[in-house]
Amino acid sequence: MQVYKKAMQLDEENLEYVASFANFCLDCGRIPMAIKEYQRLEKMAELEEIPVEDTLFDASRLIVEAIDRVGQGRDNAMVKPWIRQALVWAVGGLGYNAEDAVEMLTSE
């Protein structure tokens, strides 16, 4: 973990470092830290107008897999915000925002 942090200190604007660190956090079961890093990635990319929807789409799947792996249970109150964030990123990766996705899913 220290290697990632050092790399990010050397090049704070490197989106690849942030994404790699977030993935590493998930591999270690540190889901809240991973989500925080993905959110930071999202903000950094937005400021630089760099598309990261594909990365966040992949992250959404990895987050749910990590939740399942650590055995928290998807309906656990602590986990629900993580699931919600994963869903927002998954829907965004498909080109929708949350409101449009809800409308699409609830319309007949």
Foldseek 3Di string as FASTA:
>chain_A
DVVLVVVCVVPVLDLVSLLVVLLVCLVVLNLVVSVVSVVVSVVSCVVVVHDDLVSLLVVLVSSVVSCVVVPCDCPNPVNVVVNVSSVQSNQVSVVDGPVVVVVVVPDD
